[in-house]
């Protein structure tokens, strides 16, 4: 899981996913700090550099080496940097997931 420190460290996502038998793997603490910093100091300012993208791709590979079968992009800005075609790992864009759930909910009611 990639996202803000709150998303990666607090139990709300982790506990919810574990109810469905999904084990959440988060980056090491210094990498969580890097991700959090880029979200607020780069992405929030419209900065999406190749250097940052390379680092994210390295972080994704590290998570895969620890057993991750998919990566939750748990922040609205991360999918602006990382696209499905960028890696061979299944990516879960939470912005898209939430939007689709809202549409489905609206269409059912």
PDB file of N, CA and C in Angstrom:
ATOM      1  N   UNK A   1       0.843  -1.181   0.000  1.00  0.00           N
ATOM      2  CA  UNK A   1       0.000   0.000   0.000  1.00  0.00           C
ATOM      3  C   UNK A   1       0.883   1.238   0.000  1.00  0.00           C
ATOM      4  N   UNK A   2       0.537   2.172  -0.873  1.00  0.00           N
ATOM      5  CA  UNK A   2       1.205   3.457  -0.942  1.00  0.00           C
ATOM      6  C   UNK A   2       0.178   4.546  -0.687  1.00  0.00           C
ATOM      7  N   UNK A   3       0.548   5.538   0.106  1.00  0.00           N
ATOM      8  CA  UNK A   3      -0.350   6.647   0.408  1.00  0.00           C
ATOM      9  C   UNK A   3       0.312   7.583   1.394  1.00  0.00           C
ATOM     10  N   UNK A   4      -0.473   8.440   2.009  1.00  0.00           N
ATOM     11  CA  UNK A   4       0.067   9.312   3.041  1.00  0.00           C
ATOM     12  C   UNK A   4       0.469   8.454   4.246  1.00  0.00           C
ATOM     13  N   UNK A   5       1.237   9.039   5.143  1.00  0.00           N
ATOM     14  CA  UNK A   5       1.631   8.286   6.342  1.00  0.00           C
ATOM     15  C   UNK A   5       0.396   7.797   7.095  1.00  0.00           C
ATOM     16  N   UNK A   6      -0.614   8.647   7.177  1.00  0.00           N
ATOM     17  CA  UNK A   6      -1.848   8.264   7.865  1.00  0.00           C
ATOM     18  C   UNK A   6      -2.444   7.018   7.221  1.00  0.00           C
ATOM     19  N   UNK A   7      -2.527   7.004   5.912  1.00  0.00           N
ATOM     20  CA  UNK A   7      -3.099   5.855   5.200  1.00  0.00           C
ATOM     21  C   UNK A   7      -2.264   4.601   5.423  1.00  0.00           C
ATOM     22  N   UNK A   8      -0.946   4.727   5.366  1.00  0.00           N
ATOM     23  CA  UNK A   8      -0.074   3.564   5.489  1.00  0.00           C
ATOM     24  C   UNK A   8       0.094   3.076   6.919  1.00  0.00           C
ATOM     25  N   UNK A   9      -0.049   3.963   7.902  1.00  0.00           N
ATOM     26  CA  UNK A   9       0.270   3.598   9.282  1.00  0.00           C
ATOM     27  C   UNK A   9      -0.942   3.385  10.182  1.00  0.00           C
ATOM     28  N   UNK A  10      -2.056   4.030   9.877  1.00  0.00           N
ATOM     29  CA  UNK A  10      -3.234   3.877  10.724  1.00  0.00           C
ATOM     30  C   UNK A  10      -3.998   2.617  10.333  1.00  0.00           C
ATOM     31  N   UNK A  11      -4.767   2.066  11.243  1.00  0.00           N
ATOM     32  CA  UNK A  11      -5.381   0.756  10.996  1.00  0.00           C
ATOM     33  C   UNK A  11      -6.620   0.728  10.102  1.00  0.00           C
ATOM     34  N   UNK A  12      -7.205   1.869   9.740  1.00  0.00           N
ATOM     35  CA  UNK A  12      -8.505   1.802   9.065  1.00  0.00           C
ATOM     36  C   UNK A  12      -8.471   1.041   7.744  1.00  0.00           C
ATOM     37  N   UNK A  13      -7.489   1.248   6.896  1.00  0.00           N
ATOM     38  CA  UNK A  13      -7.390   0.476   5.649  1.00  0.00           C
ATOM     39  C   UNK A  13      -6.949  -0.957   5.931  1.00  0.00           C
ATOM     40  N   UNK A  14      -5.935  -1.086   6.755  1.00  0.00           N
ATOM     41  CA  UNK A  14      -5.346  -2.398   7.035  1.00  0.00           C
ATOM     42  C   UNK A  14      -6.375  -3.337   7.655  1.00  0.00           C
ATOM     43  N   UNK A  15      -7.112  -2.861   8.654  1.00  0.00           N
ATOM     44  CA  UNK A  15      -8.126  -3.691   9.300  1.00  0.00           C
ATOM     45  C   UNK A  15      -9.253  -4.051   8.335  1.00  0.00           C
ATOM     46  N   UNK A  16      -9.652  -3.094   7.529  1.00  0.00           N
ATOM     47  CA  UNK A  16     -10.746  -3.343   6.579  1.00  0.00           C
ATOM     48  C   UNK A  16     -10.352  -4.413   5.573  1.00  0.00           C
ATOM     49  N   UNK A  17      -9.144  -4.317   5.030  1.00  0.00           N
ATOM     50  CA  UNK A  17      -8.688  -5.295   4.051  1.00  0.00           C
ATOM     51  C   UNK A  17      -8.449  -6.663   4.678  1.00  0.00           C
ATOM     52  N   UNK A  18      -7.977  -6.674   5.916  1.00  0.00           N
ATOM     53  CA  UNK A  18      -7.710  -7.959   6.570  1.00  0.00           C
ATOM     54  C   UNK A  18      -8.998  -8.755   6.797  1.00  0.00           C
ATOM     55  N   UNK A  19     -10.132  -8.072   6.907  1.00  0.00           N
ATOM     56  CA  UNK A  19     -11.415  -8.768   7.042  1.00  0.00           C
ATOM     57  C   UNK A  19     -11.718  -9.624   5.820  1.00  0.00           C
ATOM     58  N   UNK A  20     -11.088  -9.288   4.703  1.00  0.00           N
ATOM     59  CA  UNK A  20     -11.282 -10.028   3.453  1.00  0.00           C
ATOM     60  C   UNK A  20     -10.081 -10.932   3.142  1.00  0.00           C
ATOM     61  N   UNK A  21      -9.244 -11.154   4.153  1.00  0.00           N
ATOM     62  CA  UNK A  21      -8.102 -12.042   3.980  1.00  0.00           C
ATOM     63  C   UNK A  21      -6.952 -11.426   3.212  1.00  0.00           C
ATOM     64  N   UNK A  22      -6.923 -10.111   3.123  1.00  0.00           N
ATOM     65  CA  UNK A  22      -5.858  -9.423   2.392  1.00  0.00           C
ATOM     66  C   UNK A  22      -4.840  -8.890   3.388  1.00  0.00           C
ATOM     67  N   UNK A  23      -3.610  -9.360   3.251  1.00  0.00           N
ATOM     68  CA  UNK A  23      -2.516  -8.865   4.099  1.00  0.00           C
ATOM     69  C   UNK A  23      -1.940  -7.612   3.461  1.00  0.00           C
ATOM     70  N   UNK A  24      -1.825  -6.545   4.227  1.00  0.00           N
ATOM     71  CA  UNK A  24      -1.296  -5.285   3.723  1.00  0.00           C
ATOM     72  C   UNK A  24       0.185  -5.191   4.065  1.00  0.00           C
ATOM     73  N   UNK A  25       0.970  -4.879   3.043  1.00  0.00           N
ATOM     74  CA  UNK A  25       2.406  -4.662   3.220  1.00  0.00           C
ATOM     75  C   UNK A  25       2.671  -3.198   2.908  1.00  0.00           C
ATOM     76  N   UNK A  26       3.324  -2.514   3.824  1.00  0.00           N
ATOM     77  CA  UNK A  26       3.666  -1.106   3.599  1.00  0.00           C
ATOM     78  C   UNK A  26       5.181  -0.962   3.529  1.00  0.00           C
ATOM     79  N   UNK A  27       5.645   0.100   2.870  1.00  0.00           N
ATOM     80  CA  UNK A  27       7.089   0.335   2.795  1.00  0.00           C
ATOM     81  C   UNK A  27       7.701   0.578   4.179  1.00  0.00           C
ATOM     82  N   UNK A  28       9.021   0.491   4.228  1.00  0.00           N
ATOM     83  CA  UNK A  28       9.758   0.790   5.459  1.00  0.00           C
ATOM     84  C   UNK A  28       9.533   2.250   5.854  1.00  0.00           C
ATOM     85  N   UNK A  29       9.829   2.578   7.105  1.00  0.00           N
ATOM     86  CA  UNK A  29       9.521   3.910   7.637  1.00  0.00           C
ATOM     87  C   UNK A  29      10.127   5.045   6.811  1.00  0.00           C
ATOM     88  N   UNK A  30      11.411   4.941   6.431  1.00  0.00           N
ATOM     89  CA  UNK A  30      12.020   6.036   5.665  1.00  0.00           C
ATOM     90  C   UNK A  30      11.364   6.185   4.293  1.00  0.00           C
ATOM     91  N   UNK A  31      10.902   5.080   3.710  1.00  0.00           N
ATOM     92  CA  UNK A  31      10.195   5.142   2.435  1.00  0.00           C
ATOM     93  C   UNK A  31       8.802   5.727   2.609  1.00  0.00           C
ATOM     94  N   UNK A  32       8.145   5.437   3.730  1.00  0.00           N
ATOM     95  CA  UNK A  32       6.840   6.047   4.008  1.00  0.00           C
ATOM     96  C   UNK A  32       6.982   7.557   4.140  1.00  0.00           C
ATOM     97  N   UNK A  33       8.065   7.995   4.769  1.00  0.00           N
ATOM     98  CA  UNK A  33       8.331   9.430   4.906  1.00  0.00           C
ATOM     99  C   UNK A  33       8.541  10.060   3.530  1.00  0.00           C
ATOM    100  N   UNK A  34       9.293   9.376   2.657  1.00  0.00           N
ATOM    101  CA  UNK A  34       9.523   9.867   1.295  1.00  0.00           C
ATOM    102  C   UNK A  34       8.190   9.993   0.542  1.00  0.00           C
ATOM    103  N   UNK A  35       7.367   8.965   0.596  1.00  0.00           N
ATOM    104  CA  UNK A  35       6.086   8.980  -0.107  1.00  0.00           C
ATOM    105  C   UNK A  35       5.217  10.127   0.396  1.00  0.00           C
ATOM    106  N   UNK A  36       5.105  10.243   1.705  1.00  0.00           N
ATOM    107  CA  UNK A  36       4.292  11.303   2.306  1.00  0.00           C
ATOM    108  C   UNK A  36       4.789  12.675   1.843  1.00  0.00           C
ATOM    109  N   UNK A  37       6.102  12.853   1.863  1.00  0.00           N
ATOM    110  CA  UNK A  37       6.696  14.129   1.461  1.00  0.00           C
ATOM    111  C   UNK A  37       6.407  14.443   0.003  1.00  0.00           C
ATOM    112  N   UNK A  38       6.534  13.442  -0.874  1.00  0.00           N
ATOM    113  CA  UNK A  38       6.286  13.712  -2.297  1.00  0.00           C
ATOM    114  C   UNK A  38       4.826  14.058  -2.553  1.00  0.00           C
ATOM    115  N   UNK A  39       3.925  13.443  -1.821  1.00  0.00           N
ATOM    116  CA  UNK A  39       2.496  13.738  -2.009  1.00  0.00           C
ATOM    117  C   UNK A  39       2.216  15.214  -1.727  1.00  0.00           C
ATOM    118  N   UNK A  40       2.763  15.731  -0.636  1.00  0.00           N
ATOM    119  CA  UNK A  40       2.469  17.103  -0.247  1.00  0.00           C
ATOM    120  C   UNK A  40       3.407  18.134  -0.876  1.00  0.00           C
ATOM    121  N   UNK A  41       4.685  17.793  -1.037  1.00  0.00           N
ATOM    122  CA  UNK A  41       5.665  18.772  -1.520  1.00  0.00           C
ATOM    123  C   UNK A  41       5.885  18.746  -3.023  1.00  0.00           C
ATOM    124  N   UNK A  42       5.423  17.697  -3.691  1.00  0.00           N
ATOM    125  CA  UNK A  42       5.561  17.627  -5.142  1.00  0.00           C
ATOM    126  C   UNK A  42       4.201  17.523  -5.820  1.00  0.00           C
ATOM    127  N   UNK A  43       3.504  16.406  -5.599  1.00  0.00           N
ATOM    128  CA  UNK A  43       2.255  16.149  -6.317  1.00  0.00           C
ATOM    129  C   UNK A  43       1.221  17.238  -6.062  1.00  0.00           C
ATOM    130  N   UNK A  44       1.110  17.680  -4.820  1.00  0.00           N
ATOM    131  CA  UNK A  44       0.159  18.731  -4.477  1.00  0.00           C
ATOM    132  C   UNK A  44       0.465  20.049  -5.157  1.00  0.00           C
ATOM    133  N   UNK A  45       1.694  20.181  -5.671  1.00  0.00           N
ATOM    134  CA  UNK A  45       2.117  21.386  -6.387  1.00  0.00           C
ATOM    135  C   UNK A  45       2.209  21.138  -7.892  1.00  0.00           C
ATOM    136  N   UNK A  46       1.721  19.975  -8.319  1.00  0.00           N
ATOM    137  CA  UNK A  46       1.737  19.661  -9.744  1.00  0.00           C
ATOM    138  C   UNK A  46       3.082  19.188 -10.270  1.00  0.00           C
ATOM    139  N   UNK A  47       3.976  18.773  -9.378  1.00  0.00           N
ATOM    140  CA  UNK A  47       5.309  18.319  -9.785  1.00  0.00           C
ATOM    141  C   UNK A  47       5.326  16.793  -9.811  1.00  0.00           C
ATOM    142  N   UNK A  48       5.603  16.218 -10.986  1.00  0.00           N
ATOM    143  CA  UNK A  48       5.659  14.771 -11.176  1.00  0.00           C
ATOM    144  C   UNK A  48       6.934  14.452 -11.955  1.00  0.00           C
ATOM    145  N   UNK A  49       8.043  14.301 -11.234  1.00  0.00           N
ATOM    146  CA  UNK A  49       9.346  14.133 -11.887  1.00  0.00           C
ATOM    147  C   UNK A  49       9.651  12.671 -12.204  1.00  0.00           C
ATOM    148  N   UNK A  50      10.512  12.481 -13.187  1.00  0.00           N
ATOM    149  CA  UNK A  50      10.967  11.131 -13.545  1.00  0.00           C
ATOM    150  C   UNK A  50      11.762  10.517 -12.391  1.00  0.00           C
ATOM    151  N   UNK A  51      12.516  11.328 -11.674  1.00  0.00           N
ATOM    152  CA  UNK A  51      13.288  10.822 -10.529  1.00  0.00           C
ATOM    153  C   UNK A  51      12.364  10.248  -9.458  1.00  0.00           C
ATOM    154  N   UNK A  52      11.298  10.958  -9.143  1.00  0.00           N
ATOM    155  CA  UNK A  52      10.336  10.475  -8.160  1.00  0.00           C
ATOM    156  C   UNK A  52       9.640   9.221  -8.672  1.00  0.00           C
ATOM    157  N   UNK A  53       9.299   9.199  -9.948  1.00  0.00           N
ATOM    158  CA  UNK A  53       8.658   8.020 -10.527  1.00  0.00           C
ATOM    159  C   UNK A  53       9.578   6.806 -10.420  1.00  0.00           C
ATOM    160  N   UNK A  54      10.860   6.978 -10.705  1.00  0.00           N
ATOM    161  CA  UNK A  54      11.820   5.861 -10.574  1.00  0.00           C
ATOM    162  C   UNK A  54      11.858   5.342  -9.145  1.00  0.00           C
ATOM    163  N   UNK A  55      11.834   6.252  -8.181  1.00  0.00           N
ATOM    164  CA  UNK A  55      11.851   5.845  -6.774  1.00  0.00           C
ATOM    165  C   UNK A  55      10.573   5.071  -6.422  1.00  0.00           C
ATOM    166  N   UNK A  56       9.428   5.535  -6.894  1.00  0.00           N
ATOM    167  CA  UNK A  56       8.176   4.823  -6.645  1.00  0.00           C
ATOM    168  C   UNK A  56       8.212   3.432  -7.275  1.00  0.00           C
ATOM    169  N   UNK A  57       8.751   3.338  -8.488  1.00  0.00           N
ATOM    170  CA  UNK A  57       8.845   2.038  -9.155  1.00  0.00           C
ATOM    171  C   UNK A  57       9.751   1.106  -8.347  1.00  0.00           C
ATOM    172  N   UNK A  58      10.822   1.640  -7.791  1.00  0.00           N
ATOM    173  CA  UNK A  58      11.709   0.851  -6.925  1.00  0.00           C
ATOM    174  C   UNK A  58      10.957   0.400  -5.670  1.00  0.00           C
ATOM    175  N   UNK A  59      10.162   1.277  -5.087  1.00  0.00           N
ATOM    176  CA  UNK A  59       9.380   0.924  -3.899  1.00  0.00           C
ATOM    177  C   UNK A  59       8.369  -0.179  -4.226  1.00  0.00           C
ATOM    178  N   UNK A  60       7.750  -0.088  -5.390  1.00  0.00           N
ATOM    179  CA  UNK A  60       6.803  -1.126  -5.810  1.00  0.00           C
ATOM    180  C   UNK A  60       7.520  -2.464  -5.956  1.00  0.00           C
ATOM    181  N   UNK A  61       8.693  -2.451  -6.558  1.00  0.00           N
ATOM    182  CA  UNK A  61       9.464  -3.693  -6.698  1.00  0.00           C
ATOM    183  C   UNK A  61       9.854  -4.256  -5.339  1.00  0.00           C
ATOM    184  N   UNK A  62      10.203  -3.385  -4.398  1.00  0.00           N
ATOM    185  CA  UNK A  62      10.528  -3.843  -3.032  1.00  0.00           C
ATOM    186  C   UNK A  62       9.319  -4.521  -2.391  1.00  0.00           C
ATOM    187  N   UNK A  63       8.138  -3.938  -2.562  1.00  0.00           N
ATOM    188  CA  UNK A  63       6.929  -4.544  -2.001  1.00  0.00           C
ATOM    189  C   UNK A  63       6.640  -5.886  -2.671  1.00  0.00           C
ATOM    190  N   UNK A  64       6.854  -5.959  -3.969  1.00  0.00           N
ATOM    191  CA  UNK A  64       6.665  -7.242  -4.680  1.00  0.00           C
ATOM    192  C   UNK A  64       7.619  -8.296  -4.138  1.00  0.00           C
ATOM    193  N   UNK A  65       8.860  -7.901  -3.866  1.00  0.00           N
ATOM    194  CA  UNK A  65       9.840  -8.863  -3.354  1.00  0.00           C
ATOM    195  C   UNK A  65       9.468  -9.354  -1.957  1.00  0.00           C
ATOM    196  N   UNK A  66       8.615  -8.603  -1.265  1.00  0.00           N
ATOM    197  CA  UNK A  66       8.140  -9.001   0.062  1.00  0.00           C
ATOM    198  C   UNK A  66       6.821  -9.766  -0.011  1.00  0.00           C
ATOM    199  N   UNK A  67       6.362 -10.030  -1.243  1.00  0.00           N
ATOM    200  CA  UNK A  67       5.159 -10.831  -1.412  1.00  0.00           C
ATOM    201  C   UNK A  67       3.931 -10.103  -1.896  1.00  0.00           C
ATOM    202  N   UNK A  68       4.021  -8.808  -2.136  1.00  0.00           N
ATOM    203  CA  UNK A  68       2.849  -8.061  -2.599  1.00  0.00           C
ATOM    204  C   UNK A  68       2.432  -8.558  -3.979  1.00  0.00           C
ATOM    205  N   UNK A  69       1.145  -8.832  -4.111  1.00  0.00           N
ATOM    206  CA  UNK A  69       0.592  -9.282  -5.390  1.00  0.00           C
ATOM    207  C   UNK A  69      -0.101  -8.148  -6.128  1.00  0.00           C
ATOM    208  N   UNK A  70      -0.299  -7.044  -5.456  1.00  0.00           N
ATOM    209  CA  UNK A  70      -0.915  -5.859  -6.034  1.00  0.00           C
ATOM    210  C   UNK A  70      -0.544  -4.661  -5.181  1.00  0.00           C
ATOM    211  N   UNK A  71      -0.687  -3.481  -5.751  1.00  0.00           N
ATOM    212  CA  UNK A  71      -0.326  -2.253  -5.045  1.00  0.00           C
ATOM    213  C   UNK A  71      -1.550  -1.349  -4.981  1.00  0.00           C
ATOM    214  N   UNK A  72      -1.945  -0.987  -3.763  1.00  0.00           N
ATOM    215  CA  UNK A  72      -3.035  -0.033  -3.559  1.00  0.00           C
ATOM    216  C   UNK A  72      -2.441   1.366  -3.655  1.00  0.00           C
ATOM    217  N   UNK A  73      -2.913   2.141  -4.622  1.00  0.00           N
ATOM    218  CA  UNK A  73      -2.509   3.539  -4.759  1.00  0.00           C
ATOM    219  C   UNK A  73      -3.499   4.343  -3.926  1.00  0.00           C
ATOM    220  N   UNK A  74      -3.173   4.471  -2.641  1.00  0.00           N
ATOM    221  CA  UNK A  74      -4.111   4.990  -1.654  1.00  0.00           C
ATOM    222  C   UNK A  74      -4.099   6.493  -1.499  1.00  0.00           C
ATOM    223  N   UNK A  75      -3.816   7.204  -2.568  1.00  0.00           N
ATOM    224  CA  UNK A  75      -3.837   8.666  -2.548  1.00  0.00           C
ATOM    225  C   UNK A  75      -4.218   9.127  -3.951  1.00  0.00           C
ATOM    226  N   UNK A  76      -5.041  10.135  -4.053  1.00  0.00           N
ATOM    227  CA  UNK A  76      -5.551  10.558  -5.357  1.00  0.00           C
ATOM    228  C   UNK A  76      -4.463  10.998  -6.327  1.00  0.00           C
ATOM    229  N   UNK A  77      -3.345  11.485  -5.841  1.00  0.00           N
ATOM    230  CA  UNK A  77      -2.302  11.993  -6.720  1.00  0.00           C
ATOM    231  C   UNK A  77      -1.371  10.906  -7.269  1.00  0.00           C
ATOM    232  N   UNK A  78      -1.223   9.788  -6.575  1.00  0.00           N
ATOM    233  CA  UNK A  78      -0.265   8.763  -7.006  1.00  0.00           C
ATOM    234  C   UNK A  78      -0.584   8.222  -8.398  1.00  0.00           C
ATOM    235  N   UNK A  79      -1.867   7.987  -8.760  1.00  0.00           N
ATOM    236  CA  UNK A  79      -2.145   7.512 -10.120  1.00  0.00           C
ATOM    237  C   UNK A  79      -1.801   8.527 -11.223  1.00  0.00           C
ATOM    238  N   UNK A  80      -1.554   9.771 -10.847  1.00  0.00           N
ATOM    239  CA  UNK A  80      -1.087  10.749 -11.829  1.00  0.00           C
ATOM    240  C   UNK A  80       0.381  10.516 -12.165  1.00  0.00           C
ATOM    241  N   UNK A  81       1.099   9.839 -11.274  1.00  0.00           N
ATOM    242  CA  UNK A  81       2.518   9.519 -11.472  1.00  0.00           C
ATOM    243  C   UNK A  81       2.697   8.113 -12.016  1.00  0.00           C
ATOM    244  N   UNK A  82       2.006   7.150 -11.422  1.00  0.00           N
ATOM    245  CA  UNK A  82       2.152   5.734 -11.773  1.00  0.00           C
ATOM    246  C   UNK A  82       0.906   5.274 -12.519  1.00  0.00           C
ATOM    247  N   UNK A  83       1.108   4.730 -13.703  1.00  0.00           N
ATOM    248  CA  UNK A  83       0.009   4.224 -14.531  1.00  0.00           C
ATOM    249  C   UNK A  83       0.088   2.708 -14.622  1.00  0.00           C
ATOM    250  N   UNK A  84      -1.022   2.080 -14.961  1.00  0.00           N
ATOM    251  CA  UNK A  84      -1.094   0.619 -15.050  1.00  0.00           C
ATOM    252  C   UNK A  84      -0.021   0.046 -15.968  1.00  0.00           C
ATOM    253  N   UNK A  85       0.301   0.710 -17.048  1.00  0.00           N
ATOM    254  CA  UNK A  85       1.293   0.212 -17.982  1.00  0.00           C
ATOM    255  C   UNK A  85       2.737   0.383 -17.528  1.00  0.00           C
ATOM    256  N   UNK A  86       2.943   1.026 -16.397  1.00  0.00           N
ATOM    257  CA  UNK A  86       4.299   1.285 -15.918  1.00  0.00           C
ATOM    258  C   UNK A  86       4.957   0.074 -15.273  1.00  0.00           C
ATOM    259  N   UNK A  87       4.166  -0.893 -14.832  1.00  0.00           N
ATOM    260  CA  UNK A  87       4.741  -2.055 -14.158  1.00  0.00           C
ATOM    261  C   UNK A  87       3.867  -3.280 -14.398  1.00  0.00           C
ATOM    262  N   UNK A  88       4.417  -4.433 -14.054  1.00  0.00           N
ATOM    263  CA  UNK A  88       3.694  -5.690 -14.240  1.00  0.00           C
ATOM    264  C   UNK A  88       2.852  -6.067 -13.028  1.00  0.00           C
ATOM    265  N   UNK A  89       2.789  -5.199 -12.054  1.00  0.00           N
ATOM    266  CA  UNK A  89       2.036  -5.458 -10.834  1.00  0.00           C
ATOM    267  C   UNK A  89       0.643  -4.854 -10.961  1.00  0.00           C
ATOM    268  N   UNK A  90      -0.347  -5.569 -10.470  1.00  0.00           N
ATOM    269  CA  UNK A  90      -1.723  -5.059 -10.472  1.00  0.00           C
ATOM    270  C   UNK A  90      -1.790  -3.823  -9.585  1.00  0.00           C
ATOM    271  N   UNK A  91      -2.326  -2.728 -10.136  1.00  0.00           N
ATOM    272  CA  UNK A  91      -2.470  -1.485  -9.382  1.00  0.00           C
ATOM    273  C   UNK A  91      -3.942  -1.253  -9.070  1.00  0.00           C
ATOM    274  N   UNK A  92      -4.220  -0.830  -7.851  1.00  0.00           N
ATOM    275  CA  UNK A  92      -5.579  -0.524  -7.415  1.00  0.00           C
ATOM    276  C   UNK A  92      -5.654   0.977  -7.152  1.00  0.00           C
ATOM    277  N   UNK A  93      -6.260   1.689  -8.085  1.00  0.00           N
ATOM    278  CA  UNK A  93      -6.412   3.143  -8.026  1.00  0.00           C
ATOM    279  C   UNK A  93      -7.634   3.449  -7.159  1.00  0.00           C
ATOM    280  N   UNK A  94      -7.417   3.864  -5.924  1.00  0.00           N
ATOM    281  CA  UNK A  94      -8.537   4.065  -5.009  1.00  0.00           C
ATOM    282  C   UNK A  94      -9.444   5.208  -5.446  1.00  0.00           C
ATOM    283  N   UNK A  95      -8.929   6.172  -6.198  1.00  0.00           N
ATOM    284  CA  UNK A  95      -9.780   7.235  -6.715  1.00  0.00           C
ATOM    285  C   UNK A  95     -10.803   6.652  -7.678  1.00  0.00           C
ATOM    286  N   UNK A  96     -10.332   5.828  -8.600  1.00  0.00           N
ATOM    287  CA  UNK A  96     -11.222   5.181  -9.561  1.00  0.00           C
ATOM    288  C   UNK A  96     -12.190   4.221  -8.865  1.00  0.00           C
ATOM    289  N   UNK A  97     -11.689   3.472  -7.896  1.00  0.00           N
ATOM    290  CA  UNK A  97     -12.534   2.527  -7.157  1.00  0.00           C
ATOM    291  C   UNK A  97     -13.661   3.264  -6.438  1.00  0.00           C
ATOM    292  N   UNK A  98     -13.340   4.372  -5.778  1.00  0.00           N
ATOM    293  CA  UNK A  98     -14.366   5.153  -5.078  1.00  0.00           C
ATOM    294  C   UNK A  98     -15.355   5.771  -6.066  1.00  0.00           C
ATOM    295  N   UNK A  99     -14.869   6.270  -7.178  1.00  0.00           N
ATOM    296  CA  UNK A  99     -15.765   6.876  -8.171  1.00  0.00           C
ATOM    297  C   UNK A  99     -16.726   5.838  -8.727  1.00  0.00           C
ATOM    298  N   UNK A 100     -16.225   4.658  -9.041  1.00  0.00           N
ATOM    299  CA  UNK A 100     -17.088   3.606  -9.570  1.00  0.00           C
ATOM    300  C   UNK A 100     -18.116   3.158  -8.526  1.00  0.00           C
ATOM    301  N   UNK A 101     -17.708   3.085  -7.271  1.00  0.00           N
ATOM    302  CA  UNK A 101     -18.649   2.710  -6.210  1.00  0.00           C
ATOM    303  C   UNK A 101     -19.738   3.760  -6.064  1.00  0.00           C
ATOM    304  N   UNK A 102     -19.363   5.033  -6.190  1.00  0.00           N
ATOM    305  CA  UNK A 102     -20.360   6.118  -6.094  1.00  0.00           C
ATOM    306  C   UNK A 102     -21.354   6.046  -7.250  1.00  0.00           C
ATOM    307  N   UNK A 103     -20.849   5.779  -8.448  1.00  0.00           N
ATOM    308  CA  UNK A 103     -21.728   5.647  -9.619  1.00  0.00           C
ATOM    309  C   UNK A 103     -22.675   4.468  -9.434  1.00  0.00           C
ATOM    310  N   UNK A 104     -22.134   3.330  -9.022  1.00  0.00           N
ATOM    311  CA  UNK A 104     -22.966   2.144  -8.796  1.00  0.00           C
ATOM    312  C   UNK A 104     -24.037   2.405  -7.746  1.00  0.00           C
ATOM    313  N   UNK A 105     -23.628   3.072  -6.670  1.00  0.00           N
ATOM    314  CA  UNK A 105     -24.591   3.393  -5.613  1.00  0.00           C
ATOM    315  C   UNK A 105     -25.699   4.305  -6.152  1.00  0.00           C
ATOM    316  N   UNK A 106     -25.309   5.308  -6.913  1.00  0.00           N
ATOM    317  CA  UNK A 106     -26.289   6.254  -7.458  1.00  0.00           C
ATOM    318  C   UNK A 106     -27.241   5.556  -8.432  1.00  0.00           C
ATOM    319  N   UNK A 107     -26.725   4.633  -9.210  1.00  0.00           N
ATOM    320  CA  UNK A 107     -27.566   3.949 -10.196  1.00  0.00           C
ATOM    321  C   UNK A 107     -28.508   2.933  -9.549  1.00  0.00           C
ATOM    322  N   UNK A 108     -28.132   2.429  -8.387  1.00  0.00           N
ATOM    323  CA  UNK A 108     -28.969   1.447  -7.701  1.00  0.00           C
ATOM    324  C   UNK A 108     -30.098   2.110  -6.923  1.00  0.00           C
ATOM    325  N   UNK A 109     -29.957   3.374  -6.604  1.00  0.00           N
ATOM    326  CA  UNK A 109     -30.964   4.076  -5.775  1.00  0.00           C
ATOM    327  C   UNK A 109     -31.803   5.026  -6.564  1.00  0.00           C
TER     328      UNK A 109
END
